[in-house]
Amino acid sequence: MTIKLLPLTGLKSVHALCAFNALLFGVHCTPAHAAKSEEEFYRWFDDLKREDKEKTIRYAVGLCKLGEDEMLDLLAFAQDPNGLAYGAANAAGLKPAEIVDIITAVCLKISDIKLKSVSEELKKNSLPIA
């Protein structure tokens, strides 16, 4: 199955980002990563090679129970064979492995987005929050 991805734009892309973060949160809660701070965990994930990110995302999809809306938020950034974005109607015929493949591909694309709400310079010059 060849997966064609759509640009991550619009409000739905933020919903997809939240679904991706829910998957990562599930991995963060596993015994292997629970002792890491949030910052340490995300640094660990960001530093992974692409193939290791893919393995981690596949693991997360099998580990975390996303709601149907969250899955559709992710599936919406891939095209079906007719060139249409996946939605509830055309995703209904997908096999579980196909859903995992699409969600993994979209999440890998999302993982390329680097969001930093506070710059390193500002962090360096601010007081710690107690």
Protein backbone atom coordinates (compact mmCIF):
# COMPACT_ATOMS: atom_id res chain seq x y z
CA MET A 1 0.00 0.00 0.00
CA THR A 2 1.45 3.32 -1.10
CA ILE A 3 0.52 6.13 1.28
CA LYS A 4 0.15 9.63 -0.11
CA LEU A 5 0.20 12.27 2.58
CA LEU A 6 -1.52 15.64 2.49
CA PRO A 7 -0.06 18.90 3.85
CA LEU A 8 -0.48 19.41 7.58
CA THR A 9 -2.51 22.60 7.50
CA GLY A 10 -5.63 24.03 9.09
CA LEU A 11 -7.31 23.43 12.41
CA LYS A 12 -7.50 19.69 11.84
CA SER A 13 -3.69 19.56 11.79
CA VAL A 14 -3.66 20.74 15.41
CA HIS A 15 -6.13 17.98 16.28
CA ALA A 16 -3.79 15.50 14.56
CA LEU A 17 -0.86 16.91 16.54
CA CYS A 18 -2.81 16.36 19.77
CA ALA A 19 -3.59 12.77 18.75
CA PHE A 20 0.12 12.22 18.02
CA ASN A 21 1.01 13.63 21.45
CA ALA A 22 -1.54 11.28 23.06
CA LEU A 23 0.32 8.36 21.46
CA LEU A 24 3.66 9.65 22.73
CA PHE A 25 2.20 10.18 26.19
CA GLY A 26 1.25 6.52 26.24
CA VAL A 27 4.84 5.55 25.48
CA HIS A 28 6.08 7.98 28.12
CA CYS A 29 3.93 6.17 30.72
CA THR A 30 5.56 2.79 30.09
CA PRO A 31 8.02 1.49 32.70
CA ALA A 32 10.92 2.07 30.31
CA HIS A 33 10.25 5.83 30.15
CA ALA A 34 8.13 6.75 33.18
CA ALA A 35 11.10 8.03 35.19
CA LYS A 36 12.00 10.58 32.50
CA SER A 37 10.76 14.13 32.76
CA GLU A 38 8.57 15.31 29.92
CA GLU A 39 11.47 17.32 28.51
CA GLU A 40 13.82 14.32 28.73
CA PHE A 41 11.28 12.05 27.07
CA TYR A 42 10.64 14.39 24.13
CA ARG A 43 14.39 14.97 23.72
CA TRP A 44 14.86 11.17 23.66
CA PHE A 45 12.15 10.82 21.01
CA ASP A 46 13.44 13.74 18.91
CA ASP A 47 16.95 12.25 18.92
CA LEU A 48 15.80 8.86 17.59
CA LYS A 49 16.68 7.84 14.04
CA ARG A 50 13.71 7.90 11.68
CA GLU A 51 13.33 4.10 11.64
CA ASP A 52 13.35 4.04 15.47
CA LYS A 53 10.71 6.79 15.54
CA GLU A 54 8.61 4.65 13.23
CA LYS A 55 8.99 1.61 15.52
CA THR A 56 8.07 3.72 18.54
CA ILE A 57 4.99 5.14 16.82
CA ARG A 58 3.85 1.67 15.69
CA TYR A 59 4.29 0.47 19.27
CA ALA A 60 2.27 3.46 20.53
CA VAL A 61 -0.59 2.80 18.09
CA GLY A 62 -0.85 -0.74 19.44
CA LEU A 63 -0.48 0.42 23.05
CA CYS A 64 -2.79 3.44 23.23
CA LYS A 65 -6.50 3.39 22.62
CA LEU A 66 -7.22 6.47 20.56
CA GLY A 67 -10.83 7.48 20.12
CA GLU A 68 -12.41 7.29 16.68
CA ASP A 69 -12.26 11.08 16.33
CA GLU A 70 -8.52 11.10 17.07
CA MET A 71 -7.89 8.31 14.56
CA LEU A 72 -9.91 10.18 11.92
CA ASP A 73 -7.94 13.36 12.72
CA LEU A 74 -4.77 11.45 11.77
CA LEU A 75 -6.24 9.55 8.82
CA ALA A 76 -7.48 12.84 7.31
CA PHE A 77 -3.92 13.69 6.25
CA ALA A 78 -3.62 10.72 3.91
CA GLN A 79 -5.31 10.11 0.54
CA ASP A 80 -7.29 7.08 -0.47
CA PRO A 81 -6.67 5.46 -3.91
CA ASN A 82 -9.13 7.96 -5.46
CA GLY A 83 -7.16 10.96 -4.18
CA LEU A 84 -9.64 11.82 -1.42
CA ALA A 85 -8.65 12.48 2.17
CA TYR A 86 -9.65 9.63 4.45
CA GLY A 87 -12.78 10.22 6.47
CA ALA A 88 -15.26 8.00 8.28
CA ALA A 89 -16.83 6.66 5.08
CA ASN A 90 -13.73 5.65 3.11
CA ALA A 91 -11.75 4.58 6.20
CA ALA A 92 -14.46 2.06 7.12
CA GLY A 93 -13.10 -0.44 4.58
CA LEU A 94 -9.49 -0.25 5.73
CA LYS A 95 -7.90 -3.29 7.36
CA PRO A 96 -6.27 -2.80 10.79
CA ALA A 97 -2.74 -3.06 9.34
CA GLU A 98 -3.58 -0.36 6.77
CA ILE A 99 -4.88 1.94 9.49
CA VAL A 100 -1.70 1.43 11.51
CA ASP A 101 0.45 2.08 8.42
CA ILE A 102 -1.39 5.33 7.63
CA ILE A 103 -1.40 6.59 11.22
CA THR A 104 2.31 5.80 11.49
CA ALA A 105 3.12 7.68 8.26
CA VAL A 106 1.11 10.73 9.34
CA CYS A 107 2.67 10.70 12.81
CA LEU A 108 6.16 10.49 11.32
CA LYS A 109 5.34 13.58 9.30
CA ILE A 110 4.02 15.32 12.41
CA SER A 111 7.21 14.38 14.27
CA ASP A 112 9.12 16.62 11.86
CA ILE A 113 7.31 19.65 13.31
CA LYS A 114 9.38 21.32 15.99
CA LEU A 115 7.22 23.31 18.36
CA LYS A 116 8.94 25.39 20.97
CA SER A 117 6.64 27.70 22.87
CA VAL A 118 9.54 29.09 24.88
CA SER A 119 12.88 29.80 23.25
CA GLU A 120 16.07 28.45 24.79
CA GLU A 121 17.20 32.04 25.42
CA LEU A 122 14.01 32.84 27.33
CA LYS A 123 14.29 29.59 29.34
CA LYS A 124 17.85 30.48 30.28
CA ASN A 125 16.81 33.91 31.59
CA SER A 126 13.61 32.96 33.43
CA LEU A 127 13.04 31.88 36.98
CA PRO A 128 12.04 28.27 37.64
CA ILE A 129 8.38 27.62 38.37
CA ALA A 130 7.90 26.16 41.82
